[in-house]
PDB file of N, CA and C in Angstrom:
ATOM      1  N   MET A   1     138.197 111.502  73.047  1.00  0.00           N
ATOM      2  CA  MET A   1     139.088 110.364  72.935  1.00  0.00           C
ATOM      3  C   MET A   1     139.479 110.238  71.463  1.00  0.00           C
ATOM      4  N   ASP A   2     140.764 110.115  71.231  1.00  0.00           N
ATOM      5  CA  ASP A   2     141.175 110.033  69.822  1.00  0.00           C
ATOM      6  C   ASP A   2     141.015 108.616  69.293  1.00  0.00           C
ATOM      7  N   ASN A   3     141.179 108.478  67.994  1.00  0.00           N
ATOM      8  CA  ASN A   3     140.947 107.208  67.309  1.00  0.00           C
ATOM      9  C   ASN A   3     141.886 106.111  67.804  1.00  0.00           C
ATOM     10  N   TYR A   4     143.138 106.470  68.120  1.00  0.00           N
ATOM     11  CA  TYR A   4     144.128 105.499  68.595  1.00  0.00           C
ATOM     12  C   TYR A   4     143.677 104.874  69.920  1.00  0.00           C
ATOM     13  N   GLN A   5     143.226 105.696  70.869  1.00  0.00           N
ATOM     14  CA  GLN A   5     142.784 105.179  72.172  1.00  0.00           C
ATOM     15  C   GLN A   5     141.531 104.322  72.024  1.00  0.00           C
ATOM     16  N   LEU A   6     140.644 104.732  71.133  1.00  0.00           N
ATOM     17  CA  LEU A   6     139.430 103.961  70.902  1.00  0.00           C
ATOM     18  C   LEU A   6     139.759 102.579  70.337  1.00  0.00           C
ATOM     19  N   THR A   7     140.704 102.524  69.422  1.00  0.00           N
ATOM     20  CA  THR A   7     141.133 101.261  68.832  1.00  0.00           C
ATOM     21  C   THR A   7     141.773 100.369  69.893  1.00  0.00           C
ATOM     22  N   ARG A   8     142.621 100.952  70.744  1.00  0.00           N
ATOM     23  CA  ARG A   8     143.272 100.171  71.817  1.00  0.00           C
ATOM     24  C   ARG A   8     142.225  99.630  72.793  1.00  0.00           C
ATOM     25  N   ARG A   9     141.235 100.448  73.141  1.00  0.00           N
ATOM     26  CA  ARG A   9     140.186 100.014  74.074  1.00  0.00           C
ATOM     27  C   ARG A   9     139.383  98.872  73.444  1.00  0.00           C
ATOM     28  N   ASN A  10     139.050  98.978  72.166  1.00  0.00           N
ATOM     29  CA  ASN A  10     138.304  97.917  71.490  1.00  0.00           C
ATOM     30  C   ASN A  10     139.098  96.621  71.455  1.00  0.00           C
ATOM     31  N   ARG A  11     140.393  96.715  71.175  1.00  0.00           N
ATOM     32  CA  ARG A  11     141.241  95.510  71.170  1.00  0.00           C
ATOM     33  C   ARG A  11     141.305  94.881  72.550  1.00  0.00           C
ATOM     34  N   PHE A  12     141.394  95.736  73.572  1.00  0.00           N
ATOM     35  CA  PHE A  12     141.432  95.233  74.940  1.00  0.00           C
ATOM     36  C   PHE A  12     140.140  94.482  75.265  1.00  0.00           C
ATOM     37  N   MET A  13     139.001  95.052  74.917  1.00  0.00           N
ATOM     38  CA  MET A  13     137.716  94.399  75.174  1.00  0.00           C
ATOM     39  C   MET A  13     137.602  93.102  74.381  1.00  0.00           C
ATOM     40  N   GLN A  14     138.091  93.093  73.158  1.00  0.00           N
ATOM     41  CA  GLN A  14     138.083  91.867  72.357  1.00  0.00           C
ATOM     42  C   GLN A  14     138.935  90.799  73.031  1.00  0.00           C
ATOM     43  N   ALA A  15     140.085  91.185  73.560  1.00  0.00           N
ATOM     44  CA  ALA A  15     140.976  90.235  74.231  1.00  0.00           C
ATOM     45  C   ALA A  15     140.291  89.647  75.469  1.00  0.00           C
ATOM     46  N   ILE A  16     139.559  90.479  76.201  1.00  0.00           N
ATOM     47  CA  ILE A  16     138.839  89.989  77.385  1.00  0.00           C
ATOM     48  C   ILE A  16     137.772  88.979  76.970  1.00  0.00           C
ATOM     49  N   VAL A  17     137.023  89.299  75.931  1.00  0.00           N
ATOM     50  CA  VAL A  17     135.962  88.398  75.461  1.00  0.00           C
ATOM     51  C   VAL A  17     136.566  87.090  74.970  1.00  0.00           C
ATOM     52  N   TYR A  18     137.634  87.169  74.163  1.00  0.00           N
ATOM     53  CA  TYR A  18     138.284  85.943  73.666  1.00  0.00           C
ATOM     54  C   TYR A  18     138.837  85.117  74.822  1.00  0.00           C
ATOM     55  N   GLY A  19     139.405  85.764  75.821  1.00  0.00           N
ATOM     56  CA  GLY A  19     139.920  85.048  76.990  1.00  0.00           C
ATOM     57  C   GLY A  19     138.811  84.341  77.750  1.00  0.00           C
ATOM     58  N   ALA A  20     137.667  85.020  77.891  1.00  0.00           N
ATOM     59  CA  ALA A  20     136.524  84.402  78.584  1.00  0.00           C
ATOM     60  C   ALA A  20     136.013  83.203  77.811  1.00  0.00           C
ATOM     61  N   ILE A  21     135.927  83.339  76.493  1.00  0.00           N
ATOM     62  CA  ILE A  21     135.469  82.224  75.659  1.00  0.00           C
ATOM     63  C   ILE A  21     136.440  81.052  75.756  1.00  0.00           C
ATOM     64  N   ALA A  22     137.740  81.347  75.697  1.00  0.00           N
ATOM     65  CA  ALA A  22     138.747  80.281  75.797  1.00  0.00           C
ATOM     66  C   ALA A  22     138.674  79.601  77.166  1.00  0.00           C
ATOM     67  N   GLY A  23     138.526  80.388  78.211  1.00  0.00           N
ATOM     68  CA  GLY A  23     138.425  79.815  79.557  1.00  0.00           C
ATOM     69  C   GLY A  23     137.200  78.931  79.707  1.00  0.00           C
ATOM     70  N   ALA A  24     136.079  79.375  79.156  1.00  0.00           N
ATOM     71  CA  ALA A  24     134.858  78.575  79.221  1.00  0.00           C
ATOM     72  C   ALA A  24     135.024  77.275  78.440  1.00  0.00           C
ATOM     73  N   ALA A  25     135.639  77.362  77.258  1.00  0.00           N
ATOM     74  CA  ALA A  25     135.845  76.161  76.441  1.00  0.00           C
ATOM     75  C   ALA A  25     136.754  75.170  77.156  1.00  0.00           C
ATOM     76  N   ILE A  26     137.806  75.657  77.772  1.00  0.00           N
ATOM     77  CA  ILE A  26     138.743  74.772  78.488  1.00  0.00           C
ATOM     78  C   ILE A  26     138.038  74.132  79.684  1.00  0.00           C
ATOM     79  N   SER A  27     137.235  74.909  80.396  1.00  0.00           N
ATOM     80  CA  SER A  27     136.558  74.338  81.570  1.00  0.00           C
ATOM     81  C   SER A  27     135.540  73.280  81.157  1.00  0.00           C
ATOM     82  N   LEU A  28     135.003  73.369  79.943  1.00  0.00           N
ATOM     83  CA  LEU A  28     134.032  72.373  79.476  1.00  0.00           C
ATOM     84  C   LEU A  28     134.681  71.055  79.071  1.00  0.00           C
ATOM     85  N   LEU A  29     136.005  70.996  79.073  1.00  0.00           N
ATOM     86  CA  LEU A  29     136.674  69.724  78.797  1.00  0.00           C
ATOM     87  C   LEU A  29     136.439  68.727  79.921  1.00  0.00           C
ATOM     88  N   ASP A  30     136.175  69.225  81.128  1.00  0.00           N
ATOM     89  CA  ASP A  30     135.884  68.365  82.279  1.00  0.00           C
ATOM     90  C   ASP A  30     134.439  67.875  82.189  1.00  0.00           C
ATOM     91  N   ARG A  31     134.247  66.564  82.309  1.00  0.00           N
ATOM     92  CA  ARG A  31     132.912  65.968  82.145  1.00  0.00           C
ATOM     93  C   ARG A  31     131.928  66.468  83.202  1.00  0.00           C
ATOM     94  N   GLN A  32     132.355  66.568  84.470  1.00  0.00           N
ATOM     95  CA  GLN A  32     131.457  67.035  85.529  1.00  0.00           C
ATOM     96  C   GLN A  32     131.002  68.464  85.265  1.00  0.00           C
ATOM     97  N   THR A  33     131.910  69.300  84.803  1.00  0.00           N
ATOM     98  CA  THR A  33     131.545  70.682  84.493  1.00  0.00           C
ATOM     99  C   THR A  33     130.555  70.723  83.346  1.00  0.00           C
ATOM    100  N   ARG A  34     130.815  69.915  82.312  1.00  0.00           N
ATOM    101  CA  ARG A  34     129.894  69.848  81.167  1.00  0.00           C
ATOM    102  C   ARG A  34     128.509  69.411  81.612  1.00  0.00           C
ATOM    103  N   ASP A  35     128.448  68.345  82.422  1.00  0.00           N
ATOM    104  CA  ASP A  35     127.161  67.843  82.911  1.00  0.00           C
ATOM    105  C   ASP A  35     126.446  68.895  83.754  1.00  0.00           C
ATOM    106  N   SER A  36     127.201  69.569  84.602  1.00  0.00           N
ATOM    107  CA  SER A  36     126.619  70.604  85.453  1.00  0.00           C
ATOM    108  C   SER A  36     126.053  71.747  84.612  1.00  0.00           C
ATOM    109  N   VAL A  37     126.789  72.170  83.596  1.00  0.00           N
ATOM    110  CA  VAL A  37     126.325  73.243  82.718  1.00  0.00           C
ATOM    111  C   VAL A  37     125.070  72.795  81.968  1.00  0.00           C
ATOM    112  N   MET A  38     125.071  71.581  81.480  1.00  0.00           N
ATOM    113  CA  MET A  38     123.908  71.078  80.740  1.00  0.00           C
ATOM    114  C   MET A  38     122.675  70.992  81.646  1.00  0.00           C
ATOM    115  N   ASN A  39     122.836  70.443  82.841  1.00  0.00           N
ATOM    116  CA  ASN A  39     121.706  70.344  83.774  1.00  0.00           C
ATOM    117  C   ASN A  39     121.189  71.717  84.164  1.00  0.00           C
ATOM    118  N   GLY A  40     122.094  72.638  84.440  1.00  0.00           N
ATOM    119  CA  GLY A  40     121.688  73.996  84.784  1.00  0.00           C
ATOM    120  C   GLY A  40     120.966  74.673  83.634  1.00  0.00           C
ATOM    121  N   SER A  41     121.450  74.458  82.430  1.00  0.00           N
ATOM    122  CA  SER A  41     120.797  75.051  81.251  1.00  0.00           C
ATOM    123  C   SER A  41     119.411  74.479  81.047  1.00  0.00           C
ATOM    124  N   ARG A  42     119.263  73.179  81.246  1.00  0.00           N
ATOM    125  CA  ARG A  42     117.941  72.551  81.105  1.00  0.00           C
ATOM    126  C   ARG A  42     116.955  73.111  82.133  1.00  0.00           C
ATOM    127  N   ARG A  43     117.414  73.217  83.382  1.00  0.00           N
ATOM    128  CA  ARG A  43     116.544  73.770  84.427  1.00  0.00           C
ATOM    129  C   ARG A  43     116.160  75.213  84.094  1.00  0.00           C
ATOM    130  N   TYR A  44     117.127  75.976  83.631  1.00  0.00           N
ATOM    131  CA  TYR A  44     116.882  77.366  83.272  1.00  0.00           C
ATOM    132  C   TYR A  44     115.849  77.452  82.155  1.00  0.00           C
ATOM    133  N   MET A  45     116.007  76.630  81.124  1.00  0.00           N
ATOM    134  CA  MET A  45     115.073  76.646  80.001  1.00  0.00           C
ATOM    135  C   MET A  45     113.675  76.211  80.448  1.00  0.00           C
ATOM    136  N   THR A  46     113.585  75.210  81.300  1.00  0.00           N
ATOM    137  CA  THR A  46     112.290  74.765  81.820  1.00  0.00           C
ATOM    138  C   THR A  46     111.624  75.894  82.606  1.00  0.00           C
ATOM    139  N   ASP A  47     112.402  76.556  83.462  1.00  0.00           N
ATOM    140  CA  ASP A  47     111.860  77.674  84.240  1.00  0.00           C
ATOM    141  C   ASP A  47     111.393  78.805  83.327  1.00  0.00           C
ATOM    142  N   MET A  48     112.175  79.111  82.306  1.00  0.00           N
ATOM    143  CA  MET A  48     111.802  80.178  81.378  1.00  0.00           C
ATOM    144  C   MET A  48     110.519  79.816  80.620  1.00  0.00           C
ATOM    145  N   LYS A  49     110.392  78.570  80.184  1.00  0.00           N
ATOM    146  CA  LYS A  49     109.179  78.141  79.487  1.00  0.00           C
ATOM    147  C   LYS A  49     107.966  78.264  80.398  1.00  0.00           C
ATOM    148  N   THR A  50     108.121  77.878  81.656  1.00  0.00           N
ATOM    149  CA  THR A  50     107.030  77.979  82.625  1.00  0.00           C
ATOM    150  C   THR A  50     106.630  79.433  82.824  1.00  0.00           C
ATOM    151  N   MET A  51     107.617  80.311  82.943  1.00  0.00           N
ATOM    152  CA  MET A  51     107.316  81.730  83.127  1.00  0.00           C
ATOM    153  C   MET A  51     106.582  82.315  81.928  1.00  0.00           C
ATOM    154  N   VAL A  52     107.003  81.922  80.743  1.00  0.00           N
ATOM    155  CA  VAL A  52     106.368  82.446  79.529  1.00  0.00           C
ATOM    156  C   VAL A  52     104.966  81.886  79.365  1.00  0.00           C
ATOM    157  N   SER A  53     104.781  80.608  79.663  1.00  0.00           N
ATOM    158  CA  SER A  53     103.467  79.999  79.464  1.00  0.00           C
ATOM    159  C   SER A  53     102.487  80.328  80.586  1.00  0.00           C
ATOM    160  N   HIS A  54     102.979  80.713  81.777  1.00  0.00           N
ATOM    161  CA  HIS A  54     102.116  81.050  82.916  1.00  0.00           C
ATOM    162  C   HIS A  54     102.553  82.384  83.528  1.00  0.00           C
ATOM    163  N   PRO A  55     102.384  83.477  82.805  1.00  0.00           N
ATOM    164  CA  PRO A  55     102.868  84.765  83.320  1.00  0.00           C
ATOM    165  C   PRO A  55     102.145  85.220  84.590  1.00  0.00           C
ATOM    166  N   ASN A  56     100.868  84.905  84.724  1.00  0.00           N
ATOM    167  CA  ASN A  56     100.135  85.304  85.931  1.00  0.00           C
ATOM    168  C   ASN A  56     100.685  84.609  87.165  1.00  0.00           C
ATOM    169  N   SER A  57     100.989  83.338  87.029  1.00  0.00           N
ATOM    170  CA  SER A  57     101.564  82.590  88.142  1.00  0.00           C
ATOM    171  C   SER A  57     102.922  83.179  88.532  1.00  0.00           C
ATOM    172  N   THR A  58     103.699  83.516  87.536  1.00  0.00           N
ATOM    173  CA  THR A  58     105.013  84.104  87.796  1.00  0.00           C
ATOM    174  C   THR A  58     104.865  85.433  88.521  1.00  0.00           C
ATOM    175  N   MET A  59     103.936  86.260  88.059  1.00  0.00           N
ATOM    176  CA  MET A  59     103.718  87.557  88.708  1.00  0.00           C
ATOM    177  C   MET A  59     103.233  87.378  90.143  1.00  0.00           C
ATOM    178  N   ASN A  60     102.367  86.395  90.363  1.00  0.00           N
ATOM    179  CA  ASN A  60     101.896  86.129  91.728  1.00  0.00           C
ATOM    180  C   ASN A  60     103.043  85.706  92.633  1.00  0.00           C
ATOM    181  N   GLN A  61     103.952  84.885  92.124  1.00  0.00           N
ATOM    182  CA  GLN A  61     105.107  84.471  92.911  1.00  0.00           C
ATOM    183  C   GLN A  61     106.001  85.664  93.238  1.00  0.00           C
ATOM    184  N   VAL A  62     106.190  86.536  92.257  1.00  0.00           N
ATOM    185  CA  VAL A  62     107.011  87.739  92.490  1.00  0.00           C
ATOM    186  C   VAL A  62     106.338  88.632  93.522  1.00  0.00           C
ATOM    187  N   LYS A  63     105.012  88.835  93.393  1.00  0.00           N
ATOM    188  CA  LYS A  63     104.281  89.661  94.358  1.00  0.00           C
ATOM    189  C   LYS A  63     104.355  89.070  95.758  1.00  0.00           C
ATOM    190  N   GLU A  64     104.218  87.742  95.857  1.00  0.00           N
ATOM    191  CA  GLU A  64     104.281  87.076  97.162  1.00  0.00           C
ATOM    192  C   GLU A  64     105.666  87.233  97.789  1.00  0.00           C
ATOM    193  N   ALA A  65     106.699  87.035  96.986  1.00  0.00           N
ATOM    194  CA  ALA A  65     108.062  87.187  97.502  1.00  0.00           C
ATOM    195  C   ALA A  65     108.321  88.624  97.927  1.00  0.00           C
ATOM    196  N   THR A  66     107.820  89.577  97.146  1.00  0.00           N
ATOM    197  CA  THR A  66     107.983  90.987  97.490  1.00  0.00           C
ATOM    198  C   THR A  66     107.257  91.313  98.784  1.00  0.00           C
ATOM    199  N   SER A  67     106.068  90.775  98.936  1.00  0.00           N
ATOM    200  CA  SER A  67     105.293  91.007 100.151  1.00  0.00           C
ATOM    201  C   SER A  67     106.001  90.428 101.374  1.00  0.00           C
ATOM    202  N   LYS A  68     106.525  89.211 101.235  1.00  0.00           N
ATOM    203  CA  LYS A  68     107.265  88.593 102.344  1.00  0.00           C
ATOM    204  C   LYS A  68     108.496  89.416 102.707  1.00  0.00           C
ATOM    205  N   LEU A  69     109.191  89.897 101.698  1.00  0.00           N
ATOM    206  CA  LEU A  69     110.380  90.721 101.938  1.00  0.00           C
ATOM    207  C   LEU A  69     109.995  92.003 102.653  1.00  0.00           C
ATOM    208  N   ARG A  70     108.913  92.641 102.206  1.00  0.00           N
ATOM    209  CA  ARG A  70     108.453  93.879 102.835  1.00  0.00           C
ATOM    210  C   ARG A  70     108.094  93.626 104.295  1.00  0.00           C
ATOM    211  N   THR A  71     107.361  92.545 104.568  1.00  0.00           N
ATOM    212  CA  THR A  71     106.964  92.203 105.936  1.00  0.00           C
ATOM    213  C   THR A  71     108.197  91.947 106.807  1.00  0.00           C
ATOM    214  N   THR A  72     109.149  91.227 106.255  1.00  0.00           N
ATOM    215  CA  THR A  72     110.379  90.940 107.000  1.00  0.00           C
ATOM    216  C   THR A  72     111.128  92.225 107.326  1.00  0.00           C
ATOM    217  N   MET A  73     111.217  93.118 106.347  1.00  0.00           N
ATOM    218  CA  MET A  73     111.914  94.385 106.583  1.00  0.00           C
ATOM    219  C   MET A  73     111.194  95.226 107.638  1.00  0.00           C
ATOM    220  N   GLU A  74     109.856  95.223 107.609  1.00  0.00           N
ATOM    221  CA  GLU A  74     109.089  95.951 108.622  1.00  0.00           C
ATOM    222  C   GLU A  74     109.329  95.362 110.004  1.00  0.00           C
ATOM    223  N   ASN A  75     109.347  94.027 110.104  1.00  0.00           N
ATOM    224  CA  ASN A  75     109.608  93.369 111.391  1.00  0.00           C
ATOM    225  C   ASN A  75     110.994  93.709 111.909  1.00  0.00           C
ATOM    226  N   ILE A  76     111.962  93.706 111.016  1.00  0.00           N
ATOM    227  CA  ILE A  76     113.328  94.043 111.427  1.00  0.00           C
ATOM    228  C   ILE A  76     113.383  95.484 111.918  1.00  0.00           C
ATOM    229  N   ALA A  77     112.716  96.393 111.212  1.00  0.00           N
ATOM    230  CA  ALA A  77     112.702  97.798 111.626  1.00  0.00           C
ATOM    231  C   ALA A  77     112.059  97.949 113.006  1.00  0.00           C
ATOM    232  N   GLU A  78     110.961  97.227 113.240  1.00  0.00           N
ATOM    233  CA  GLU A  78     110.306  97.269 114.549  1.00  0.00           C
ATOM    234  C   GLU A  78     111.228  96.720 115.633  1.00  0.00           C
ATOM    235  N   ASP A  79     111.914  95.622 115.349  1.00  0.00           N
ATOM    236  CA  ASP A  79     112.838  95.034 116.315  1.00  0.00           C
ATOM    237  C   ASP A  79     113.973  95.991 116.645  1.00  0.00           C
ATOM    238  N   VAL A  80     114.511  96.627 115.624  1.00  0.00           N
ATOM    239  CA  VAL A  80     115.607  97.584 115.849  1.00  0.00           C
ATOM    240  C   VAL A  80     115.117  98.757 116.695  1.00  0.00           C
ATOM    241  N   ALA A  81     113.913  99.244 116.396  1.00  0.00           N
ATOM    242  CA  ALA A  81     113.357 100.349 117.182  1.00  0.00           C
ATOM    243  C   ALA A  81     113.152  99.925 118.639  1.00  0.00           C
ATOM    244  N   PHE A  82     112.659  98.709 118.859  1.00  0.00           N
ATOM    245  CA  PHE A  82     112.452  98.203 120.215  1.00  0.00           C
ATOM    246  C   PHE A  82     113.780  98.105 120.969  1.00  0.00           C
ATOM    247  N   ILE A  83     114.766  97.531 120.323  1.00  0.00           N
ATOM    248  CA  ILE A  83     116.081  97.378 120.965  1.00  0.00           C
ATOM    249  C   ILE A  83     116.690  98.746 121.244  1.00  0.00           C
ATOM    250  N   SER A  84     116.546  99.659 120.314  1.00  0.00           N
ATOM    251  CA  SER A  84     117.073 101.005 120.509  1.00  0.00           C
ATOM    252  C   SER A  84     116.411 101.683 121.701  1.00  0.00           C
ATOM    253  N   ALA A  85     115.097 101.516 121.827  1.00  0.00           N
ATOM    254  CA  ALA A  85     114.378 102.104 122.963  1.00  0.00           C
ATOM    255  C   ALA A  85     114.855 101.491 124.273  1.00  0.00           C
ATOM    256  N   ARG A  86     115.051 100.168 124.288  1.00  0.00           N
ATOM    257  CA  ARG A  86     115.533  99.518 125.510  1.00  0.00           C
ATOM    258  C   ARG A  86     116.949  99.999 125.860  1.00  0.00           C
ATOM    259  N   MET A  87     117.771 100.191 124.848  1.00  0.00           N
ATOM    260  CA  MET A  87     119.138 100.670 125.098  1.00  0.00           C
ATOM    261  C   MET A  87     119.108 102.083 125.679  1.00  0.00           C
ATOM    262  N   ASP A  88     118.205 102.920 125.185  1.00  0.00           N
ATOM    263  CA  ASP A  88     118.078 104.273 125.734  1.00  0.00           C
ATOM    264  C   ASP A  88     117.644 104.214 127.189  1.00  0.00           C
ATOM    265  N   GLU A  89     116.716 103.296 127.515  1.00  0.00           N
ATOM    266  CA  GLU A  89     116.277 103.142 128.900  1.00  0.00           C
ATOM    267  C   GLU A  89     117.423 102.682 129.796  1.00  0.00           C
ATOM    268  N   ILE A  90     118.209 101.750 129.288  1.00  0.00           N
ATOM    269  CA  ILE A  90     119.334 101.233 130.077  1.00  0.00           C
ATOM    270  C   ILE A  90     120.353 102.331 130.337  1.00  0.00           C
ATOM    271  N   LYS A  91     120.571 103.181 129.366  1.00  0.00           N
ATOM    272  CA  LYS A  91     121.528 104.277 129.537  1.00  0.00           C
ATOM    273  C   LYS A  91     121.085 105.240 130.627  1.00  0.00           C
ATOM    274  N   GLU A  92     119.795 105.324 130.865  1.00  0.00           N
ATOM    275  CA  GLU A  92     119.264 106.257 131.850  1.00  0.00           C
ATOM    276  C   GLU A  92     119.374 105.728 133.281  1.00  0.00           C
ATOM    277  N   ILE A  93     119.608 104.454 133.474  1.00  0.00           N
ATOM    278  CA  ILE A  93     119.721 103.886 134.814  1.00  0.00           C
ATOM    279  C   ILE A  93     121.008 104.406 135.450  1.00  0.00           C
ATOM    280  N   PRO A  94     120.892 105.005 136.605  1.00  0.00           N
ATOM    281  CA  PRO A  94     122.103 105.493 137.272  1.00  0.00           C
ATOM    282  C   PRO A  94     123.046 104.330 137.593  1.00  0.00           C
ATOM    283  N   PRO A  95     124.331 104.562 137.505  1.00  0.00           N
ATOM    284  CA  PRO A  95     125.304 103.492 137.759  1.00  0.00           C
ATOM    285  C   PRO A  95     125.158 102.851 139.141  1.00  0.00           C
ATOM    286  N   GLN A  96     124.782 103.648 140.168  1.00  0.00           N
ATOM    287  CA  GLN A  96     124.632 103.080 141.499  1.00  0.00           C
ATOM    288  C   GLN A  96     123.493 102.059 141.536  1.00  0.00           C
ATOM    289  N   LEU A  97     122.390 102.353 140.856  1.00  0.00           N
ATOM    290  CA  LEU A  97     121.262 101.429 140.827  1.00  0.00           C
ATOM    291  C   LEU A  97     121.650 100.147 140.098  1.00  0.00           C
ATOM    292  N   ALA A  98     122.374 100.286 139.009  1.00  0.00           N
ATOM    293  CA  ALA A  98     122.825  99.109 138.268  1.00  0.00           C
ATOM    294  C   ALA A  98     123.715  98.248 139.153  1.00  0.00           C
ATOM    295  N   HIS A  99     124.583  98.876 139.938  1.00  0.00           N
ATOM    296  CA  HIS A  99     125.463  98.133 140.840  1.00  0.00           C
ATOM    297  C   HIS A  99     124.635  97.399 141.902  1.00  0.00           C
ATOM    298  N   MET A 100     123.610  98.057 142.455  1.00  0.00           N
ATOM    299  CA  MET A 100     122.749  97.411 143.459  1.00  0.00           C
ATOM    300  C   MET A 100     122.020  96.217 142.858  1.00  0.00           C
ATOM    301  N   VAL A 101     121.541  96.355 141.646  1.00  0.00           N
ATOM    302  CA  VAL A 101     120.830  95.265 140.989  1.00  0.00           C
ATOM    303  C   VAL A 101     121.767  94.084 140.790  1.00  0.00           C
ATOM    304  N   ARG A 102     123.002  94.350 140.345  1.00  0.00           N
ATOM    305  CA  ARG A 102     123.977  93.270 140.151  1.00  0.00           C
ATOM    306  C   ARG A 102     124.283  92.568 141.467  1.00  0.00           C
ATOM    307  N   GLU A 103     124.465  93.321 142.541  1.00  0.00           N
ATOM    308  CA  GLU A 103     124.756  92.722 143.848  1.00  0.00           C
ATOM    309  C   GLU A 103     123.591  91.854 144.314  1.00  0.00           C
ATOM    310  N   THR A 104     122.372  92.335 144.120  1.00  0.00           N
ATOM    311  CA  THR A 104     121.191  91.572 144.521  1.00  0.00           C
ATOM    312  C   THR A 104     121.084  90.293 143.708  1.00  0.00           C
ATOM    313  N   ARG A 105     121.305  90.403 142.414  1.00  0.00           N
ATOM    314  CA  ARG A 105     121.251  89.223 141.558  1.00  0.00           C
ATOM    315  C   ARG A 105     122.312  88.217 141.989  1.00  0.00           C
ATOM    316  N   ASP A 106     123.528  88.678 142.233  1.00  0.00           N
ATOM    317  CA  ASP A 106     124.610  87.773 142.614  1.00  0.00           C
ATOM    318  C   ASP A 106     124.318  87.080 143.943  1.00  0.00           C
ATOM    319  N   ALA A 107     123.579  87.728 144.816  1.00  0.00           N
ATOM    320  CA  ALA A 107     123.253  87.125 146.106  1.00  0.00           C
ATOM    321  C   ALA A 107     122.285  85.955 145.938  1.00  0.00           C
ATOM    322  N   PHE A 108     121.476  85.956 144.885  1.00  0.00           N
ATOM    323  CA  PHE A 108     120.476  84.911 144.704  1.00  0.00           C
ATOM    324  C   PHE A 108     120.790  83.915 143.600  1.00  0.00           C
ATOM    325  N   VAL A 109     121.778  84.172 142.796  1.00  0.00           N
ATOM    326  CA  VAL A 109     122.112  83.289 141.689  1.00  0.00           C
ATOM    327  C   VAL A 109     123.486  82.696 141.942  1.00  0.00           C
ATOM    328  N   SER A 110     123.553  81.348 141.922  1.00  0.00           N
ATOM    329  CA  SER A 110     124.828  80.684 142.143  1.00  0.00           C
ATOM    330  C   SER A 110     125.630  80.647 140.853  1.00  0.00           C
ATOM    331  N   GLU A 111     126.831  80.115 140.950  1.00  0.00           N
ATOM    332  CA  GLU A 111     127.694  80.039 139.775  1.00  0.00           C
ATOM    333  C   GLU A 111     127.108  79.146 138.692  1.00  0.00           C
ATOM    334  N   ASP A 112     126.290  78.152 139.064  1.00  0.00           N
ATOM    335  CA  ASP A 112     125.694  77.275 138.056  1.00  0.00           C
ATOM    336  C   ASP A 112     124.462  77.891 137.393  1.00  0.00           C
ATOM    337  N   GLY A 113     124.118  79.118 137.760  1.00  0.00           N
ATOM    338  CA  GLY A 113     123.019  79.817 137.119  1.00  0.00           C
ATOM    339  C   GLY A 113     121.665  79.513 137.722  1.00  0.00           C
ATOM    340  N   LEU A 114     121.634  78.672 138.767  1.00  0.00           N
ATOM    341  CA  LEU A 114     120.365  78.328 139.403  1.00  0.00           C
ATOM    342  C   LEU A 114     120.088  79.289 140.550  1.00  0.00           C
ATOM    343  N   HIS A 115     118.829  79.549 140.805  1.00  0.00           N
ATOM    344  CA  HIS A 115     118.445  80.438 141.885  1.00  0.00           C
ATOM    345  C   HIS A 115     118.404  79.656 143.191  1.00  0.00           C
ATOM    346  N   HIS A 116     119.132  80.127 144.195  1.00  0.00           N
ATOM    347  CA  HIS A 116     119.163  79.481 145.504  1.00  0.00           C
ATOM    348  C   HIS A 116     118.923  80.542 146.564  1.00  0.00           C
ATOM    349  N   VAL A 117     118.243  80.149 147.585  1.00  0.00           N
ATOM    350  CA  VAL A 117     118.072  81.053 148.712  1.00  0.00           C
ATOM    351  C   VAL A 117     119.269  80.847 149.625  1.00  0.00           C
ATOM    352  N   ASN A 118     119.878  81.891 150.051  1.00  0.00           N
ATOM    353  CA  ASN A 118     121.053  81.833 150.900  1.00  0.00           C
ATOM    354  C   ASN A 118     120.655  81.131 152.208  1.00  0.00           C
ATOM    355  N   GLU A 119     121.387  80.069 152.560  1.00  0.00           N
ATOM    356  CA  GLU A 119     121.024  79.255 153.734  1.00  0.00           C
ATOM    357  C   GLU A 119     121.187  80.038 155.023  1.00  0.00           C
ATOM    358  N   SER A 120     122.072  81.026 155.082  1.00  0.00           N
ATOM    359  CA  SER A 120     122.249  81.800 156.307  1.00  0.00           C
ATOM    360  C   SER A 120     121.008  82.635 156.580  1.00  0.00           C
ATOM    361  N   VAL A 121     120.263  82.978 155.587  1.00  0.00           N
ATOM    362  CA  VAL A 121     119.031  83.727 155.779  1.00  0.00           C
ATOM    363  C   VAL A 121     117.976  82.820 156.395  1.00  0.00           C
ATOM    364  N   MET A 122     118.011  81.548 156.047  1.00  0.00           N
ATOM    365  CA  MET A 122     117.015  80.591 156.535  1.00  0.00           C
ATOM    366  C   MET A 122     117.178  80.325 158.020  1.00  0.00           C
ATOM    367  N   HIS A 123     118.399  80.408 158.589  1.00  0.00           N
ATOM    368  CA  HIS A 123     118.629  80.039 159.997  1.00  0.00           C
ATOM    369  C   HIS A 123     118.590  81.213 160.875  1.00  0.00           C
TER     370      HIS A 123
END
């Protein structure tokens, strides 16, 4: 890259930084935004002080969160494997058997979803 392109790239990056600074300054003219930034900064500083003063506690929290995430991911993997196995089983059911099962179900389940015994069978 020649010197001219490097200079243009640096000016471009400077313009982006100046634009971001100007945008942030303009947005801070709004009182609610200023208050929100101040409150967020205070919370951030409090959290950082706690982390620095209690590093073991922080590490334990990170380990606990990591463990929970790992357990959740394992559960999801098991669920996906279970569903995949059930889908493979369903694919193996011959279409005629599936049709018979649907007909049998429809004979015993009414439109309201309740199970009823067909009255003609009773008489």
